[in-house]
Amino acid sequence: MKSQVRIIGGKWRGSKIPVIDADGLRPTPDRIRETLFNWLAPNCPGATVLDCFAGTGVLGFEALSRGAGRLVALERDPAALASLRRQAARFDPDAIEIIAGDSLDSIARLRHKFDLVFIDPPYAASGLRHQVIERLEATACLQPGARIYFEWPGTGDFELPSPRLHWLKRKSAGQVNYAIAEWRLVG
């Protein structure tokens, strides 16, 4: 049987999303997503969401399920893109924009300012977390007060890459560290 993840809350609660076999694809586990979205509950309604390494799309779809208004999902793997497009058609295609290509290159083409951002690149590409924040800052597409989610290996450490970011919550579970930070106007 094919691997799946499920949406754990909101209007699409219980909906299953297939997990395709793609290099570096590592969907955020249910218990971490549950904690994350407990933290983000007040920030979801009406939010514009950016998922920088969409993969299965479960983080972005979870945010939409909980009331976010718009999702922009970036993904470069062709199989993951095809799966994302199928899932978007199931949920709310008018609220979902899927951009094919490298996240760093795609950020320059973004047309929205974001309230929630998910940054969980493949663990082998640890430098991408800093590079994504640098690009988002350079393109001025983060709303003041935006919540940024980071995920990294449990064996590593991660320092915030900008003085405009401030930790709000940090936690670890098994082999995963995860946290949210807030984007502020001044350091």
N, C-alpha and C. Protein backbone atom coordinates (compact mmCIF):
# COMPACT_ATOMS: atom_id res chain seq x y z
N MET A 1 0.84 -1.19 0.00
CA MET A 1 0.00 0.00 0.00
C MET A 1 0.88 1.24 0.00
N LYS A 2 0.45 2.22 -0.74
CA LYS A 2 1.17 3.48 -0.86
C LYS A 2 1.15 4.24 0.46
N SER A 3 2.24 4.92 0.76
CA SER A 3 2.34 5.73 1.97
C SER A 3 1.44 6.96 1.84
N GLN A 4 0.88 7.40 2.97
CA GLN A 4 -0.02 8.56 2.97
C GLN A 4 0.21 9.39 4.22
N VAL A 5 -0.17 10.66 4.13
CA VAL A 5 -0.29 11.52 5.29
C VAL A 5 -1.73 12.03 5.29
N ARG A 6 -2.17 12.49 6.43
CA ARG A 6 -3.55 12.98 6.50
C ARG A 6 -3.60 14.39 7.04
N ILE A 7 -4.59 15.12 6.62
CA ILE A 7 -4.85 16.45 7.18
C ILE A 7 -5.50 16.21 8.54
N ILE A 8 -4.98 16.88 9.57
CA ILE A 8 -5.41 16.54 10.93
C ILE A 8 -6.43 17.50 11.54
N GLY A 9 -6.73 18.61 10.85
CA GLY A 9 -7.70 19.53 11.41
C GLY A 9 -8.38 20.37 10.35
N GLY A 10 -9.45 21.04 10.73
CA GLY A 10 -10.14 21.95 9.83
C GLY A 10 -11.14 21.26 8.93
N LYS A 11 -11.54 21.96 7.87
CA LYS A 11 -12.63 21.48 7.01
C LYS A 11 -12.29 20.22 6.23
N TRP A 12 -11.01 19.94 6.00
CA TRP A 12 -10.62 18.73 5.26
C TRP A 12 -10.03 17.67 6.19
N ARG A 13 -10.31 17.79 7.47
CA ARG A 13 -9.78 16.85 8.46
C ARG A 13 -10.01 15.41 8.02
N GLY A 14 -8.94 14.61 8.13
CA GLY A 14 -9.01 13.20 7.77
C GLY A 14 -8.71 12.91 6.32
N SER A 15 -8.66 13.93 5.47
CA SER A 15 -8.33 13.71 4.06
C SER A 15 -6.91 13.19 3.94
N LYS A 16 -6.74 12.17 3.09
CA LYS A 16 -5.43 11.56 2.92
C LYS A 16 -4.75 12.07 1.67
N ILE A 17 -3.44 12.24 1.80
CA ILE A 17 -2.60 12.73 0.71
C ILE A 17 -1.51 11.68 0.47
N PRO A 18 -1.38 11.21 -0.78
CA PRO A 18 -0.34 10.22 -1.05
C PRO A 18 1.06 10.81 -0.92
N VAL A 19 1.99 9.97 -0.48
CA VAL A 19 3.40 10.37 -0.39
C VAL A 19 4.13 9.66 -1.51
N ILE A 20 4.59 10.42 -2.48
CA ILE A 20 5.32 9.82 -3.60
C ILE A 20 6.76 9.55 -3.20
N ASP A 21 7.42 8.71 -3.95
CA ASP A 21 8.82 8.40 -3.70
C ASP A 21 9.68 9.42 -4.44
N ALA A 22 10.21 10.39 -3.72
CA ALA A 22 11.06 11.43 -4.32
C ALA A 22 12.25 11.67 -3.40
N ASP A 23 13.38 11.94 -3.99
CA ASP A 23 14.61 12.17 -3.25
C ASP A 23 14.44 13.34 -2.26
N GLY A 24 14.72 13.10 -1.00
CA GLY A 24 14.66 14.14 0.02
C GLY A 24 13.28 14.44 0.55
N LEU A 25 12.23 13.80 -0.01
CA LEU A 25 10.87 14.06 0.46
C LEU A 25 10.67 13.40 1.82
N ARG A 26 10.23 14.22 2.78
CA ARG A 26 10.09 13.79 4.16
C ARG A 26 8.92 14.57 4.75
N PRO A 27 7.69 14.05 4.59
CA PRO A 27 6.54 14.79 5.10
C PRO A 27 6.63 15.00 6.61
N THR A 28 6.22 16.16 7.05
CA THR A 28 6.20 16.47 8.47
C THR A 28 5.21 15.55 9.17
N PRO A 29 5.66 14.81 10.19
CA PRO A 29 4.78 13.85 10.87
C PRO A 29 3.56 14.50 11.52
N ASP A 30 2.51 13.69 11.69
CA ASP A 30 1.25 14.17 12.26
C ASP A 30 1.44 14.88 13.59
N ARG A 31 2.19 14.29 14.51
CA ARG A 31 2.28 14.89 15.85
C ARG A 31 2.99 16.24 15.81
N ILE A 32 3.95 16.41 14.91
CA ILE A 32 4.61 17.71 14.77
C ILE A 32 3.66 18.71 14.14
N ARG A 33 2.92 18.28 13.12
CA ARG A 33 1.95 19.19 12.49
C ARG A 33 0.87 19.60 13.47
N GLU A 34 0.46 18.67 14.32
CA GLU A 34 -0.56 19.02 15.32
C GLU A 34 -0.05 20.11 16.25
N THR A 35 1.17 19.96 16.75
CA THR A 35 1.76 21.00 17.61
C THR A 35 1.92 22.30 16.84
N LEU A 36 2.48 22.22 15.65
CA LEU A 36 2.69 23.41 14.83
C LEU A 36 1.39 24.18 14.62
N PHE A 37 0.33 23.48 14.25
CA PHE A 37 -0.91 24.19 13.96
C PHE A 37 -1.66 24.61 15.23
N ASN A 38 -1.36 24.00 16.36
CA ASN A 38 -1.85 24.56 17.63
C ASN A 38 -1.19 25.92 17.86
N TRP A 39 0.11 26.00 17.57
CA TRP A 39 0.83 27.28 17.69
C TRP A 39 0.29 28.32 16.71
N LEU A 40 -0.03 27.87 15.49
CA LEU A 40 -0.40 28.80 14.42
C LEU A 40 -1.90 29.06 14.31
N ALA A 41 -2.71 28.43 15.13
CA ALA A 41 -4.17 28.54 15.02
C ALA A 41 -4.67 29.97 14.86
N PRO A 42 -4.20 30.94 15.66
CA PRO A 42 -4.71 32.30 15.49
C PRO A 42 -4.23 32.98 14.21
N ASN A 43 -3.19 32.43 13.58
CA ASN A 43 -2.61 33.07 12.41
C ASN A 43 -3.14 32.52 11.09
N CYS A 44 -3.88 31.41 11.11
CA CYS A 44 -4.34 30.79 9.87
C CYS A 44 -5.50 31.51 9.18
N PRO A 45 -6.55 31.93 9.89
CA PRO A 45 -7.70 32.50 9.19
C PRO A 45 -7.32 33.68 8.28
N GLY A 46 -7.61 33.50 6.99
CA GLY A 46 -7.37 34.53 5.99
C GLY A 46 -5.93 34.69 5.55
N ALA A 47 -5.01 33.91 6.10
CA ALA A 47 -3.58 34.08 5.81
C ALA A 47 -3.22 33.75 4.36
N THR A 48 -2.20 34.43 3.88
CA THR A 48 -1.56 34.08 2.61
C THR A 48 -0.33 33.27 2.98
N VAL A 49 -0.24 32.04 2.45
CA VAL A 49 0.74 31.05 2.88
C VAL A 49 1.71 30.73 1.75
N LEU A 50 2.99 30.61 2.10
CA LEU A 50 4.02 30.18 1.16
C LEU A 50 4.65 28.90 1.70
N ASP A 51 4.62 27.84 0.89
CA ASP A 51 5.28 26.58 1.22
C ASP A 51 6.48 26.46 0.28
N CYS A 52 7.67 26.72 0.80
CA CYS A 52 8.87 26.84 -0.04
C CYS A 52 9.39 25.52 -0.60
N PHE A 53 9.11 24.42 0.05
CA PHE A 53 9.55 23.09 -0.39
C PHE A 53 8.34 22.18 -0.20
N ALA A 54 7.34 22.33 -1.07
CA ALA A 54 6.00 21.78 -0.83
C ALA A 54 5.96 20.26 -0.71
N GLY A 55 6.69 19.53 -1.52
CA GLY A 55 6.65 18.06 -1.42
C GLY A 55 5.25 17.54 -1.57
N THR A 56 4.69 16.92 -0.53
CA THR A 56 3.32 16.40 -0.57
C THR A 56 2.29 17.53 -0.53
N GLY A 57 2.71 18.70 -0.03
CA GLY A 57 1.79 19.82 0.12
C GLY A 57 1.03 19.82 1.44
N VAL A 58 1.31 18.85 2.31
CA VAL A 58 0.49 18.69 3.51
C VAL A 58 0.52 19.91 4.43
N LEU A 59 1.65 20.61 4.56
CA LEU A 59 1.67 21.79 5.43
C LEU A 59 0.75 22.88 4.87
N GLY A 60 0.86 23.16 3.60
CA GLY A 60 0.01 24.19 3.00
C GLY A 60 -1.45 23.81 2.99
N PHE A 61 -1.76 22.54 2.65
CA PHE A 61 -3.15 22.09 2.64
C PHE A 61 -3.73 22.14 4.05
N GLU A 62 -2.92 21.81 5.04
CA GLU A 62 -3.38 21.89 6.44
C GLU A 62 -3.74 23.33 6.79
N ALA A 63 -2.90 24.29 6.37
CA ALA A 63 -3.18 25.71 6.64
C ALA A 63 -4.49 26.13 5.97
N LEU A 64 -4.70 25.73 4.71
CA LEU A 64 -5.96 26.05 4.02
C LEU A 64 -7.15 25.40 4.72
N SER A 65 -6.98 24.17 5.14
CA SER A 65 -8.05 23.46 5.84
C SER A 65 -8.46 24.21 7.10
N ARG A 66 -7.52 24.91 7.70
CA ARG A 66 -7.77 25.65 8.95
C ARG A 66 -8.08 27.12 8.72
N GLY A 67 -8.40 27.49 7.47
CA GLY A 67 -8.92 28.83 7.22
C GLY A 67 -8.02 29.79 6.47
N ALA A 68 -6.80 29.39 6.10
CA ALA A 68 -5.95 30.29 5.31
C ALA A 68 -6.67 30.62 4.00
N GLY A 69 -6.38 31.80 3.47
CA GLY A 69 -7.07 32.25 2.27
C GLY A 69 -6.40 31.89 0.97
N ARG A 70 -5.08 31.76 0.98
CA ARG A 70 -4.33 31.52 -0.26
C ARG A 70 -3.07 30.74 0.06
N LEU A 71 -2.71 29.82 -0.84
CA LEU A 71 -1.50 29.02 -0.72
C LEU A 71 -0.70 29.12 -2.00
N VAL A 72 0.57 29.44 -1.86
CA VAL A 72 1.52 29.36 -2.97
C VAL A 72 2.51 28.27 -2.59
N ALA A 73 2.61 27.24 -3.43
CA ALA A 73 3.46 26.09 -3.17
C ALA A 73 4.57 26.03 -4.22
N LEU A 74 5.82 25.96 -3.75
CA LEU A 74 6.97 25.88 -4.64
C LEU A 74 7.50 24.44 -4.61
N GLU A 75 7.76 23.88 -5.78
CA GLU A 75 8.28 22.50 -5.85
C GLU A 75 8.99 22.31 -7.18
N ARG A 76 10.11 21.57 -7.13
CA ARG A 76 10.86 21.35 -8.37
C ARG A 76 10.80 19.91 -8.86
N ASP A 77 10.49 18.94 -8.00
CA ASP A 77 10.45 17.55 -8.42
C ASP A 77 9.22 17.29 -9.29
N PRO A 78 9.40 16.78 -10.53
CA PRO A 78 8.24 16.58 -11.43
C PRO A 78 7.15 15.66 -10.86
N ALA A 79 7.54 14.58 -10.20
CA ALA A 79 6.53 13.67 -9.64
C ALA A 79 5.77 14.34 -8.50
N ALA A 80 6.50 15.07 -7.66
CA ALA A 80 5.84 15.80 -6.56
C ALA A 80 4.91 16.88 -7.11
N LEU A 81 5.33 17.56 -8.17
CA LEU A 81 4.48 18.58 -8.80
C LEU A 81 3.18 17.97 -9.31
N ALA A 82 3.28 16.84 -9.99
CA ALA A 82 2.07 16.20 -10.51
C ALA A 82 1.13 15.83 -9.37
N SER A 83 1.68 15.29 -8.29
CA SER A 83 0.86 14.93 -7.13
C SER A 83 0.24 16.17 -6.49
N LEU A 84 1.03 17.23 -6.35
CA LEU A 84 0.50 18.49 -5.79
C LEU A 84 -0.68 19.01 -6.61
N ARG A 85 -0.54 18.96 -7.92
CA ARG A 85 -1.62 19.46 -8.79
C ARG A 85 -2.88 18.62 -8.64
N ARG A 86 -2.72 17.30 -8.52
CA ARG A 86 -3.90 16.44 -8.31
C ARG A 86 -4.58 16.78 -6.98
N GLN A 87 -3.79 16.99 -5.93
CA GLN A 87 -4.36 17.29 -4.62
C GLN A 87 -5.01 18.68 -4.62
N ALA A 88 -4.39 19.64 -5.28
CA ALA A 88 -4.96 20.99 -5.35
C ALA A 88 -6.34 20.94 -6.00
N ALA A 89 -6.49 20.13 -7.04
CA ALA A 89 -7.79 20.01 -7.71
C ALA A 89 -8.84 19.41 -6.78
N ARG A 90 -8.43 18.56 -5.86
CA ARG A 90 -9.35 17.95 -4.89
C ARG A 90 -9.83 18.95 -3.86
N PHE A 91 -8.94 19.83 -3.45
CA PHE A 91 -9.25 20.72 -2.34
C PHE A 91 -9.85 22.04 -2.82
N ASP A 92 -9.05 23.01 -3.14
CA ASP A 92 -9.57 24.32 -3.53
C ASP A 92 -8.64 24.94 -4.57
N PRO A 93 -8.81 24.55 -5.85
CA PRO A 93 -7.87 25.01 -6.87
C PRO A 93 -7.82 26.53 -7.03
N ASP A 94 -8.90 27.23 -6.69
CA ASP A 94 -8.89 28.69 -6.82
C ASP A 94 -8.02 29.37 -5.77
N ALA A 95 -7.76 28.67 -4.66
CA ALA A 95 -6.96 29.26 -3.57
C ALA A 95 -5.51 28.80 -3.60
N ILE A 96 -5.16 27.94 -4.57
CA ILE A 96 -3.83 27.32 -4.58
C ILE A 96 -3.10 27.66 -5.87
N GLU A 97 -1.89 28.17 -5.73
CA GLU A 97 -1.00 28.42 -6.88
C GLU A 97 0.23 27.55 -6.68
N ILE A 98 0.52 26.72 -7.67
CA ILE A 98 1.68 25.85 -7.62
C ILE A 98 2.70 26.37 -8.62
N ILE A 99 3.90 26.63 -8.15
CA ILE A 99 4.97 27.14 -9.02
C ILE A 99 6.04 26.07 -9.15
N ALA A 100 6.30 25.67 -10.39
CA ALA A 100 7.30 24.65 -10.68
C ALA A 100 8.67 25.29 -10.76
N GLY A 101 9.63 24.69 -10.07
CA GLY A 101 11.00 25.18 -10.17
C GLY A 101 11.68 25.27 -8.83
N ASP A 102 12.94 25.64 -8.88
CA ASP A 102 13.77 25.80 -7.70
C ASP A 102 13.21 26.92 -6.82
N SER A 103 13.14 26.67 -5.53
CA SER A 103 12.58 27.66 -4.60
C SER A 103 13.31 28.99 -4.65
N LEU A 104 14.63 28.96 -4.65
CA LEU A 104 15.39 30.22 -4.65
C LEU A 104 15.10 31.05 -5.89
N ASP A 105 15.01 30.39 -7.04
CA ASP A 105 14.69 31.11 -8.28
C ASP A 105 13.24 31.58 -8.30
N SER A 106 12.35 30.78 -7.75
CA SER A 106 10.91 31.09 -7.80
C SER A 106 10.53 32.27 -6.91
N ILE A 107 11.26 32.48 -5.84
CA ILE A 107 10.90 33.56 -4.91
C ILE A 107 10.89 34.91 -5.62
N ALA A 108 11.77 35.13 -6.56
CA ALA A 108 11.82 36.40 -7.29
C ALA A 108 10.53 36.66 -8.08
N ARG A 109 9.78 35.62 -8.39
CA ARG A 109 8.55 35.76 -9.19
C ARG A 109 7.28 35.86 -8.34
N LEU A 110 7.42 35.82 -7.03
CA LEU A 110 6.23 35.85 -6.17
C LEU A 110 5.53 37.20 -6.25
N ARG A 111 4.20 37.14 -6.23
CA ARG A 111 3.39 38.36 -6.37
C ARG A 111 2.62 38.71 -5.11
N HIS A 112 2.84 37.98 -4.03
CA HIS A 112 2.07 38.19 -2.81
C HIS A 112 3.00 38.55 -1.66
N LYS A 113 2.40 39.09 -0.60
CA LYS A 113 3.08 39.24 0.68
C LYS A 113 2.50 38.16 1.58
N PHE A 114 3.39 37.49 2.32
CA PHE A 114 2.98 36.28 3.03
C PHE A 114 2.90 36.48 4.54
N ASP A 115 1.87 35.82 5.12
CA ASP A 115 1.63 35.83 6.56
C ASP A 115 2.22 34.59 7.23
N LEU A 116 2.25 33.48 6.51
CA LEU A 116 2.80 32.21 7.00
C LEU A 116 3.74 31.65 5.94
N VAL A 117 4.91 31.20 6.38
CA VAL A 117 5.89 30.62 5.45
C VAL A 117 6.42 29.33 6.07
N PHE A 118 6.46 28.28 5.26
CA PHE A 118 7.01 26.99 5.68
C PHE A 118 8.34 26.77 4.97
N ILE A 119 9.41 26.58 5.74
CA ILE A 119 10.75 26.36 5.19
C ILE A 119 11.29 25.07 5.81
N ASP A 120 11.15 23.98 5.07
CA ASP A 120 11.63 22.67 5.53
C ASP A 120 12.27 21.93 4.36
N PRO A 121 13.44 22.41 3.91
CA PRO A 121 14.10 21.79 2.76
C PRO A 121 14.62 20.39 3.10
N PRO A 122 14.99 19.63 2.08
CA PRO A 122 15.63 18.33 2.37
C PRO A 122 16.80 18.54 3.33
N TYR A 123 16.94 17.64 4.28
CA TYR A 123 17.97 17.81 5.30
C TYR A 123 19.38 17.91 4.71
N ALA A 124 19.62 17.27 3.58
CA ALA A 124 20.94 17.30 2.96
C ALA A 124 21.29 18.71 2.44
N ALA A 125 20.29 19.57 2.29
CA ALA A 125 20.50 20.92 1.77
C ALA A 125 20.30 21.95 2.88
N SER A 126 21.04 21.81 3.96
CA SER A 126 20.81 22.63 5.15
C SER A 126 20.99 24.13 4.90
N GLY A 127 21.86 24.52 4.01
CA GLY A 127 22.08 25.94 3.73
C GLY A 127 20.89 26.64 3.10
N LEU A 128 19.95 25.88 2.57
CA LEU A 128 18.80 26.48 1.91
C LEU A 128 17.93 27.30 2.86
N ARG A 129 17.85 26.92 4.13
CA ARG A 129 17.02 27.69 5.06
C ARG A 129 17.48 29.15 5.10
N HIS A 130 18.79 29.37 5.24
CA HIS A 130 19.31 30.73 5.26
C HIS A 130 19.12 31.43 3.92
N GLN A 131 19.37 30.73 2.83
CA GLN A 131 19.25 31.33 1.50
C GLN A 131 17.81 31.75 1.20
N VAL A 132 16.85 30.93 1.61
CA VAL A 132 15.45 31.27 1.38
C VAL A 132 15.09 32.54 2.13
N ILE A 133 15.47 32.65 3.39
CA ILE A 133 15.17 33.86 4.16
C ILE A 133 15.83 35.08 3.50
N GLU A 134 17.07 34.95 3.07
CA GLU A 134 17.74 36.07 2.40
C GLU A 134 16.96 36.50 1.17
N ARG A 135 16.48 35.56 0.37
CA ARG A 135 15.70 35.90 -0.83
C ARG A 135 14.36 36.54 -0.46
N LEU A 136 13.68 35.97 0.54
CA LEU A 136 12.40 36.54 0.96
C LEU A 136 12.58 37.97 1.46
N GLU A 137 13.65 38.20 2.19
CA GLU A 137 13.94 39.56 2.69
C GLU A 137 14.26 40.50 1.53
N ALA A 138 15.06 40.03 0.58
CA ALA A 138 15.45 40.87 -0.57
C ALA A 138 14.26 41.23 -1.45
N THR A 139 13.26 40.36 -1.52
CA THR A 139 12.10 40.63 -2.37
C THR A 139 10.95 41.27 -1.59
N ALA A 140 11.14 41.52 -0.31
CA ALA A 140 10.15 42.20 0.54
C ALA A 140 8.77 41.55 0.45
N CYS A 141 8.72 40.23 0.53
CA CYS A 141 7.41 39.58 0.41
C CYS A 141 6.91 38.97 1.73
N LEU A 142 7.48 39.43 2.84
CA LEU A 142 7.00 38.98 4.15
C LEU A 142 6.24 40.11 4.84
N GLN A 143 5.05 39.80 5.31
CA GLN A 143 4.27 40.78 6.07
C GLN A 143 4.91 40.98 7.44
N PRO A 144 4.86 42.19 7.99
CA PRO A 144 5.28 42.35 9.38
C PRO A 144 4.45 41.41 10.26
N GLY A 145 5.11 40.70 11.16
CA GLY A 145 4.42 39.75 12.01
C GLY A 145 4.24 38.37 11.39
N ALA A 146 4.76 38.18 10.18
CA ALA A 146 4.64 36.86 9.53
C ALA A 146 5.25 35.80 10.43
N ARG A 147 4.65 34.62 10.39
CA ARG A 147 5.16 33.47 11.13
C ARG A 147 5.91 32.58 10.14
N ILE A 148 7.15 32.23 10.50
CA ILE A 148 8.00 31.42 9.64
C ILE A 148 8.27 30.10 10.36
N TYR A 149 7.95 29.00 9.72
CA TYR A 149 8.20 27.66 10.27
C TYR A 149 9.50 27.12 9.70
N PHE A 150 10.36 26.62 10.59
CA PHE A 150 11.61 25.98 10.20
C PHE A 150 11.62 24.56 10.74
N GLU A 151 12.20 23.66 9.95
CA GLU A 151 12.40 22.28 10.38
C GLU A 151 13.81 21.87 9.99
N TRP A 152 14.51 21.17 10.91
CA TRP A 152 15.87 20.74 10.62
C TRP A 152 16.17 19.47 11.41
N PRO A 153 17.25 18.76 11.04
CA PRO A 153 17.54 17.48 11.69
C PRO A 153 17.73 17.61 13.20
N GLY A 154 17.30 16.59 13.92
CA GLY A 154 17.41 16.58 15.37
C GLY A 154 18.84 16.63 15.88
N THR A 155 19.78 16.24 15.05
CA THR A 155 21.19 16.25 15.46
C THR A 155 21.87 17.58 15.19
N GLY A 156 21.19 18.50 14.53
CA GLY A 156 21.82 19.78 14.17
C GLY A 156 21.31 20.93 15.00
N ASP A 157 21.92 22.09 14.75
CA ASP A 157 21.47 23.33 15.37
C ASP A 157 21.18 24.31 14.25
N PHE A 158 20.36 25.28 14.52
CA PHE A 158 19.98 26.25 13.50
C PHE A 158 19.84 27.62 14.16
N GLU A 159 20.59 28.57 13.65
CA GLU A 159 20.51 29.96 14.13
C GLU A 159 19.70 30.76 13.13
N LEU A 160 18.90 31.67 13.63
CA LEU A 160 18.09 32.51 12.74
C LEU A 160 18.99 33.35 11.84
N PRO A 161 18.67 33.38 10.55
CA PRO A 161 19.54 34.04 9.58
C PRO A 161 19.32 35.55 9.41
N SER A 162 18.45 36.15 10.17
CA SER A 162 18.20 37.59 10.02
C SER A 162 17.88 38.19 11.39
N PRO A 163 18.37 39.40 11.65
CA PRO A 163 18.03 40.06 12.91
C PRO A 163 16.55 40.45 12.99
N ARG A 164 15.85 40.36 11.87
CA ARG A 164 14.41 40.67 11.86
C ARG A 164 13.56 39.48 12.30
N LEU A 165 14.19 38.31 12.45
CA LEU A 165 13.48 37.12 12.91
C LEU A 165 13.71 36.92 14.40
N HIS A 166 12.65 36.51 15.10
CA HIS A 166 12.72 36.27 16.54
C HIS A 166 11.98 34.97 16.85
N TRP A 167 12.64 34.07 17.58
CA TRP A 167 12.01 32.80 17.95
C TRP A 167 10.76 33.05 18.76
N LEU A 168 9.70 32.30 18.45
CA LEU A 168 8.49 32.30 19.26
C LEU A 168 8.33 30.97 19.99
N LYS A 169 8.56 29.88 19.28
CA LYS A 169 8.42 28.54 19.85
C LYS A 169 9.46 27.63 19.19
N ARG A 170 10.03 26.72 20.00
CA ARG A 170 10.99 25.73 19.49
C ARG A 170 10.74 24.41 20.21
N LYS A 171 10.91 23.33 19.45
CA LYS A 171 10.67 22.01 20.04
C LYS A 171 11.40 20.96 19.22
N SER A 172 11.58 19.80 19.81
CA SER A 172 12.12 18.66 19.07
C SER A 172 11.25 17.45 19.34
N ALA A 173 11.23 16.56 18.34
CA ALA A 173 10.48 15.31 18.45
C ALA A 173 11.25 14.27 17.66
N GLY A 174 11.76 13.29 18.35
CA GLY A 174 12.52 12.24 17.68
C GLY A 174 13.73 12.82 16.96
N GLN A 175 13.78 12.62 15.66
CA GLN A 175 14.91 13.07 14.83
C GLN A 175 14.68 14.45 14.22
N VAL A 176 13.72 15.21 14.72
CA VAL A 176 13.34 16.48 14.10
C VAL A 176 13.34 17.62 15.11
N ASN A 177 13.96 18.74 14.73
CA ASN A 177 13.82 20.01 15.44
C ASN A 177 12.88 20.86 14.61
N TYR A 178 12.03 21.61 15.29
CA TYR A 178 11.13 22.49 14.55
C TYR A 178 10.80 23.71 15.41
N ALA A 179 10.45 24.79 14.72
CA ALA A 179 10.23 26.05 15.44
C ALA A 179 9.46 27.02 14.56
N ILE A 180 8.88 28.03 15.21
CA ILE A 180 8.34 29.15 14.47
C ILE A 180 9.04 30.42 14.97
N ALA A 181 9.23 31.32 14.03
CA ALA A 181 9.81 32.62 14.32
C ALA A 181 8.88 33.68 13.75
N GLU A 182 9.03 34.89 14.28
CA GLU A 182 8.22 36.01 13.81
C GLU A 182 9.11 36.98 13.04
N TRP A 183 8.60 37.49 11.91
CA TRP A 183 9.28 38.49 11.10
C TRP A 183 8.88 39.87 11.61
N ARG A 184 9.85 40.65 12.01
CA ARG A 184 9.58 41.98 12.57
C ARG A 184 10.19 43.07 11.70
N LEU A 185 9.66 44.28 11.82
CA LEU A 185 10.15 45.40 11.02
C LEU A 185 11.54 45.83 11.43
N VAL A 186 11.82 45.76 12.71
CA VAL A 186 13.14 46.17 13.20
C VAL A 186 13.75 45.04 13.99
N GLY A 187 15.11 45.00 14.05
CA GLY A 187 15.81 43.92 14.73
C GLY A 187 15.77 44.03 16.22
